[in-house]
PDB file of N, CA and C in Angstrom:
ATOM      1  N   UNK A   1      48.378  72.406  59.443  1.00  0.00           N
ATOM      2  CA  UNK A   1      48.922  73.145  58.320  1.00  0.00           C
ATOM      3  C   UNK A   1      48.398  72.543  57.006  1.00  0.00           C
ATOM      4  N   UNK A   2      47.888  71.353  57.069  1.00  0.00           N
ATOM      5  CA  UNK A   2      47.438  70.693  55.866  1.00  0.00           C
ATOM      6  C   UNK A   2      46.320  71.467  55.187  1.00  0.00           C
ATOM      7  N   UNK A   3      45.480  72.128  55.950  1.00  0.00           N
ATOM      8  CA  UNK A   3      44.345  72.832  55.395  1.00  0.00           C
ATOM      9  C   UNK A   3      44.488  74.359  55.502  1.00  0.00           C
ATOM     10  N   UNK A   4      45.667  74.802  55.822  1.00  0.00           N
ATOM     11  CA  UNK A   4      45.904  76.235  55.958  1.00  0.00           C
ATOM     12  C   UNK A   4      45.991  76.884  54.575  1.00  0.00           C
ATOM     13  N   UNK A   5      45.008  77.699  54.262  1.00  0.00           N
ATOM     14  CA  UNK A   5      44.910  78.312  52.930  1.00  0.00           C
ATOM     15  C   UNK A   5      46.065  79.238  52.634  1.00  0.00           C
ATOM     16  N   UNK A   6      46.513  79.971  53.634  1.00  0.00           N
ATOM     17  CA  UNK A   6      47.624  80.897  53.439  1.00  0.00           C
ATOM     18  C   UNK A   6      48.893  80.167  53.010  1.00  0.00           C
ATOM     19  N   UNK A   7      49.139  79.018  53.645  1.00  0.00           N
ATOM     20  CA  UNK A   7      50.316  78.226  53.325  1.00  0.00           C
ATOM     21  C   UNK A   7      50.288  77.791  51.856  1.00  0.00           C
ATOM     22  N   UNK A   8      49.164  77.280  51.406  1.00  0.00           N
ATOM     23  CA  UNK A   8      49.066  76.764  50.040  1.00  0.00           C
ATOM     24  C   UNK A   8      48.968  77.882  48.996  1.00  0.00           C
ATOM     25  N   UNK A   9      48.634  79.068  49.381  1.00  0.00           N
ATOM     26  CA  UNK A   9      48.672  80.191  48.442  1.00  0.00           C
ATOM     27  C   UNK A   9      50.121  80.653  48.250  1.00  0.00           C
ATOM     28  N   UNK A  10      50.899  80.677  49.332  1.00  0.00           N
ATOM     29  CA  UNK A  10      52.276  81.166  49.249  1.00  0.00           C
ATOM     30  C   UNK A  10      53.279  80.116  48.771  1.00  0.00           C
ATOM     31  N   UNK A  11      53.032  78.856  49.043  1.00  0.00           N
ATOM     32  CA  UNK A  11      54.006  77.807  48.760  1.00  0.00           C
ATOM     33  C   UNK A  11      54.399  77.660  47.302  1.00  0.00           C
ATOM     34  N   UNK A  12      53.470  77.552  46.354  1.00  0.00           N
ATOM     35  CA  UNK A  12      53.867  77.336  44.944  1.00  0.00           C
ATOM     36  C   UNK A  12      54.774  78.425  44.367  1.00  0.00           C
ATOM     37  N   UNK A  13      54.472  79.734  44.518  1.00  0.00           N
ATOM     38  CA  UNK A  13      55.367  80.715  43.938  1.00  0.00           C
ATOM     39  C   UNK A  13      56.775  80.692  44.571  1.00  0.00           C
ATOM     40  N   UNK A  14      56.835  80.468  45.861  1.00  0.00           N
ATOM     41  CA  UNK A  14      58.136  80.443  46.524  1.00  0.00           C
ATOM     42  C   UNK A  14      58.958  79.223  46.124  1.00  0.00           C
ATOM     43  N   UNK A  15      58.324  78.061  46.006  1.00  0.00           N
ATOM     44  CA  UNK A  15      59.082  76.853  45.632  1.00  0.00           C
ATOM     45  C   UNK A  15      59.543  76.956  44.173  1.00  0.00           C
ATOM     46  N   UNK A  16      58.730  77.508  43.313  1.00  0.00           N
ATOM     47  CA  UNK A  16      59.125  77.696  41.910  1.00  0.00           C
ATOM     48  C   UNK A  16      60.289  78.680  41.827  1.00  0.00           C
ATOM     49  N   UNK A  17      60.220  79.749  42.587  1.00  0.00           N
ATOM     50  CA  UNK A  17      61.311  80.737  42.602  1.00  0.00           C
ATOM     51  C   UNK A  17      62.624  80.097  43.096  1.00  0.00           C
ATOM     52  N   UNK A  18      62.542  79.313  44.150  1.00  0.00           N
ATOM     53  CA  UNK A  18      63.732  78.650  44.677  1.00  0.00           C
ATOM     54  C   UNK A  18      64.336  77.677  43.671  1.00  0.00           C
ATOM     55  N   UNK A  19      63.503  76.921  43.007  1.00  0.00           N
ATOM     56  CA  UNK A  19      63.997  75.976  42.009  1.00  0.00           C
ATOM     57  C   UNK A  19      64.625  76.702  40.818  1.00  0.00           C
ATOM     58  N   UNK A  20      64.003  77.759  40.370  1.00  0.00           N
ATOM     59  CA  UNK A  20      64.548  78.512  39.224  1.00  0.00           C
ATOM     60  C   UNK A  20      65.896  79.125  39.606  1.00  0.00           C
ATOM     61  N   UNK A  21      65.977  79.668  40.793  1.00  0.00           N
ATOM     62  CA  UNK A  21      67.265  80.229  41.243  1.00  0.00           C
ATOM     63  C   UNK A  21      68.321  79.149  41.374  1.00  0.00           C
ATOM     64  N   UNK A  22      67.972  77.998  41.895  1.00  0.00           N
ATOM     65  CA  UNK A  22      68.944  76.917  42.042  1.00  0.00           C
ATOM     66  C   UNK A  22      69.436  76.408  40.694  1.00  0.00           C
ATOM     67  N   UNK A  23      68.607  76.466  39.714  1.00  0.00           N
ATOM     68  CA  UNK A  23      68.984  75.969  38.382  1.00  0.00           C
ATOM     69  C   UNK A  23      69.777  77.004  37.595  1.00  0.00           C
ATOM     70  N   UNK A  24      69.337  78.248  37.597  1.00  0.00           N
ATOM     71  CA  UNK A  24      69.898  79.250  36.701  1.00  0.00           C
ATOM     72  C   UNK A  24      70.983  80.145  37.296  1.00  0.00           C
ATOM     73  N   UNK A  25      71.119  80.160  38.603  1.00  0.00           N
ATOM     74  CA  UNK A  25      72.186  80.986  39.171  1.00  0.00           C
ATOM     75  C   UNK A  25      73.549  80.324  38.922  1.00  0.00           C
ATOM     76  N   UNK A  26      74.573  81.115  38.728  1.00  0.00           N
ATOM     77  CA  UNK A  26      75.906  80.519  38.608  1.00  0.00           C
ATOM     78  C   UNK A  26      76.283  79.761  39.887  1.00  0.00           C
ATOM     79  N   UNK A  27      77.205  78.852  39.764  1.00  0.00           N
ATOM     80  CA  UNK A  27      77.553  77.971  40.887  1.00  0.00           C
ATOM     81  C   UNK A  27      77.996  78.738  42.120  1.00  0.00           C
ATOM     82  N   UNK A  28      78.711  79.838  41.959  1.00  0.00           N
ATOM     83  CA  UNK A  28      79.187  80.562  43.110  1.00  0.00           C
ATOM     84  C   UNK A  28      78.090  81.375  43.806  1.00  0.00           C
ATOM     85  N   UNK A  29      76.910  81.497  43.184  1.00  0.00           N
ATOM     86  CA  UNK A  29      75.811  82.241  43.803  1.00  0.00           C
ATOM     87  C   UNK A  29      74.593  81.365  44.119  1.00  0.00           C
ATOM     88  N   UNK A  30      74.709  80.079  43.986  1.00  0.00           N
ATOM     89  CA  UNK A  30      73.578  79.179  44.233  1.00  0.00           C
ATOM     90  C   UNK A  30      73.182  79.160  45.712  1.00  0.00           C
ATOM     91  N   UNK A  31      74.068  79.581  46.578  1.00  0.00           N
ATOM     92  CA  UNK A  31      73.729  79.569  47.990  1.00  0.00           C
ATOM     93  C   UNK A  31      72.642  80.600  48.326  1.00  0.00           C
ATOM     94  N   UNK A  32      72.269  81.455  47.372  1.00  0.00           N
ATOM     95  CA  UNK A  32      71.186  82.400  47.602  1.00  0.00           C
ATOM     96  C   UNK A  32      69.812  81.741  47.532  1.00  0.00           C
ATOM     97  N   UNK A  33      69.678  80.636  46.879  1.00  0.00           N
ATOM     98  CA  UNK A  33      68.349  80.024  46.704  1.00  0.00           C
ATOM     99  C   UNK A  33      67.704  79.576  48.015  1.00  0.00           C
ATOM    100  N   UNK A  34      68.384  79.102  49.042  1.00  0.00           N
ATOM    101  CA  UNK A  34      67.695  78.762  50.291  1.00  0.00           C
ATOM    102  C   UNK A  34      67.080  79.971  51.009  1.00  0.00           C
ATOM    103  N   UNK A  35      67.561  81.171  50.677  1.00  0.00           N
ATOM    104  CA  UNK A  35      66.971  82.359  51.301  1.00  0.00           C
ATOM    105  C   UNK A  35      65.527  82.559  50.870  1.00  0.00           C
ATOM    106  N   UNK A  36      65.128  81.955  49.790  1.00  0.00           N
ATOM    107  CA  UNK A  36      63.720  82.022  49.370  1.00  0.00           C
ATOM    108  C   UNK A  36      62.850  81.318  50.409  1.00  0.00           C
ATOM    109  N   UNK A  37      63.348  80.222  50.968  1.00  0.00           N
ATOM    110  CA  UNK A  37      62.602  79.518  52.023  1.00  0.00           C
ATOM    111  C   UNK A  37      62.448  80.358  53.274  1.00  0.00           C
ATOM    112  N   UNK A  38      63.479  81.071  53.616  1.00  0.00           N
ATOM    113  CA  UNK A  38      63.416  81.974  54.780  1.00  0.00           C
ATOM    114  C   UNK A  38      62.401  83.097  54.509  1.00  0.00           C
ATOM    115  N   UNK A  39      62.420  83.636  53.297  1.00  0.00           N
ATOM    116  CA  UNK A  39      61.456  84.678  52.917  1.00  0.00           C
ATOM    117  C   UNK A  39      60.028  84.117  52.967  1.00  0.00           C
ATOM    118  N   UNK A  40      59.859  82.875  52.554  1.00  0.00           N
ATOM    119  CA  UNK A  40      58.525  82.235  52.598  1.00  0.00           C
ATOM    120  C   UNK A  40      58.001  82.197  54.017  1.00  0.00           C
ATOM    121  N   UNK A  41      58.818  81.725  54.975  1.00  0.00           N
ATOM    122  CA  UNK A  41      58.348  81.607  56.350  1.00  0.00           C
ATOM    123  C   UNK A  41      58.128  82.963  56.985  1.00  0.00           C
ATOM    124  N   UNK A  42      58.948  83.936  56.667  1.00  0.00           N
ATOM    125  CA  UNK A  42      58.730  85.288  57.203  1.00  0.00           C
ATOM    126  C   UNK A  42      57.406  85.843  56.687  1.00  0.00           C
ATOM    127  N   UNK A  43      57.146  85.674  55.382  1.00  0.00           N
ATOM    128  CA  UNK A  43      55.897  86.150  54.804  1.00  0.00           C
ATOM    129  C   UNK A  43      54.700  85.431  55.394  1.00  0.00           C
ATOM    130  N   UNK A  44      54.802  84.134  55.561  1.00  0.00           N
ATOM    131  CA  UNK A  44      53.702  83.316  56.112  1.00  0.00           C
ATOM    132  C   UNK A  44      53.355  83.756  57.521  1.00  0.00           C
ATOM    133  N   UNK A  45      54.370  83.862  58.393  1.00  0.00           N
ATOM    134  CA  UNK A  45      54.084  84.227  59.783  1.00  0.00           C
ATOM    135  C   UNK A  45      53.674  85.683  59.930  1.00  0.00           C
ATOM    136  N   UNK A  46      54.168  86.561  59.081  1.00  0.00           N
ATOM    137  CA  UNK A  46      53.669  87.961  59.101  1.00  0.00           C
ATOM    138  C   UNK A  46      52.214  88.011  58.721  1.00  0.00           C
ATOM    139  N   UNK A  47      51.842  87.247  57.698  1.00  0.00           N
ATOM    140  CA  UNK A  47      50.442  87.211  57.271  1.00  0.00           C
ATOM    141  C   UNK A  47      49.545  86.686  58.382  1.00  0.00           C
ATOM    142  N   UNK A  48      49.974  85.596  59.059  1.00  0.00           N
ATOM    143  CA  UNK A  48      49.200  85.066  60.150  1.00  0.00           C
ATOM    144  C   UNK A  48      49.100  86.070  61.310  1.00  0.00           C
ATOM    145  N   UNK A  49      50.190  86.760  61.610  1.00  0.00           N
ATOM    146  CA  UNK A  49      50.194  87.735  62.683  1.00  0.00           C
ATOM    147  C   UNK A  49      49.233  88.882  62.391  1.00  0.00           C
ATOM    148  N   UNK A  50      49.293  89.397  61.189  1.00  0.00           N
ATOM    149  CA  UNK A  50      48.398  90.493  60.807  1.00  0.00           C
ATOM    150  C   UNK A  50      46.943  90.068  60.842  1.00  0.00           C
ATOM    151  N   UNK A  51      46.676  88.857  60.354  1.00  0.00           N
ATOM    152  CA  UNK A  51      45.310  88.353  60.360  1.00  0.00           C
ATOM    153  C   UNK A  51      44.796  88.174  61.805  1.00  0.00           C
ATOM    154  N   UNK A  52      45.626  87.647  62.699  1.00  0.00           N
ATOM    155  CA  UNK A  52      45.235  87.490  64.088  1.00  0.00           C
ATOM    156  C   UNK A  52      45.034  88.848  64.759  1.00  0.00           C
ATOM    157  N   UNK A  53      45.864  89.793  64.431  1.00  0.00           N
ATOM    158  CA  UNK A  53      45.749  91.139  65.015  1.00  0.00           C
ATOM    159  C   UNK A  53      44.424  91.785  64.593  1.00  0.00           C
ATOM    160  N   UNK A  54      44.042  91.620  63.329  1.00  0.00           N
ATOM    161  CA  UNK A  54      42.799  92.191  62.840  1.00  0.00           C
ATOM    162  C   UNK A  54      41.570  91.518  63.430  1.00  0.00           C
ATOM    163  N   UNK A  55      41.664  90.208  63.664  1.00  0.00           N
ATOM    164  CA  UNK A  55      40.509  89.481  64.180  1.00  0.00           C
ATOM    165  C   UNK A  55      40.279  89.778  65.657  1.00  0.00           C
ATOM    166  N   UNK A  56      41.297  90.190  66.405  1.00  0.00           N
ATOM    167  CA  UNK A  56      41.108  90.489  67.804  1.00  0.00           C
ATOM    168  C   UNK A  56      40.537  91.868  68.042  1.00  0.00           C
ATOM    169  N   UNK A  57      40.604  92.733  67.046  1.00  0.00           N
ATOM    170  CA  UNK A  57      40.042  94.078  67.226  1.00  0.00           C
ATOM    171  C   UNK A  57      38.582  94.127  67.102  1.00  0.00           C
TER     172      UNK A  57
END
């Protein structure tokens, strides 16, 4: 994963979004910020799946 380009393209925007949400959301809604991490992994694995599907055709 250290050299996976897809990971490093997606990671900065998602981590910045999670940090901004954790800082600026009201205290009762801060629990929404970890969902950004879940969205990151879903996006990452979907991208890998689509890329693998295209390369096998």
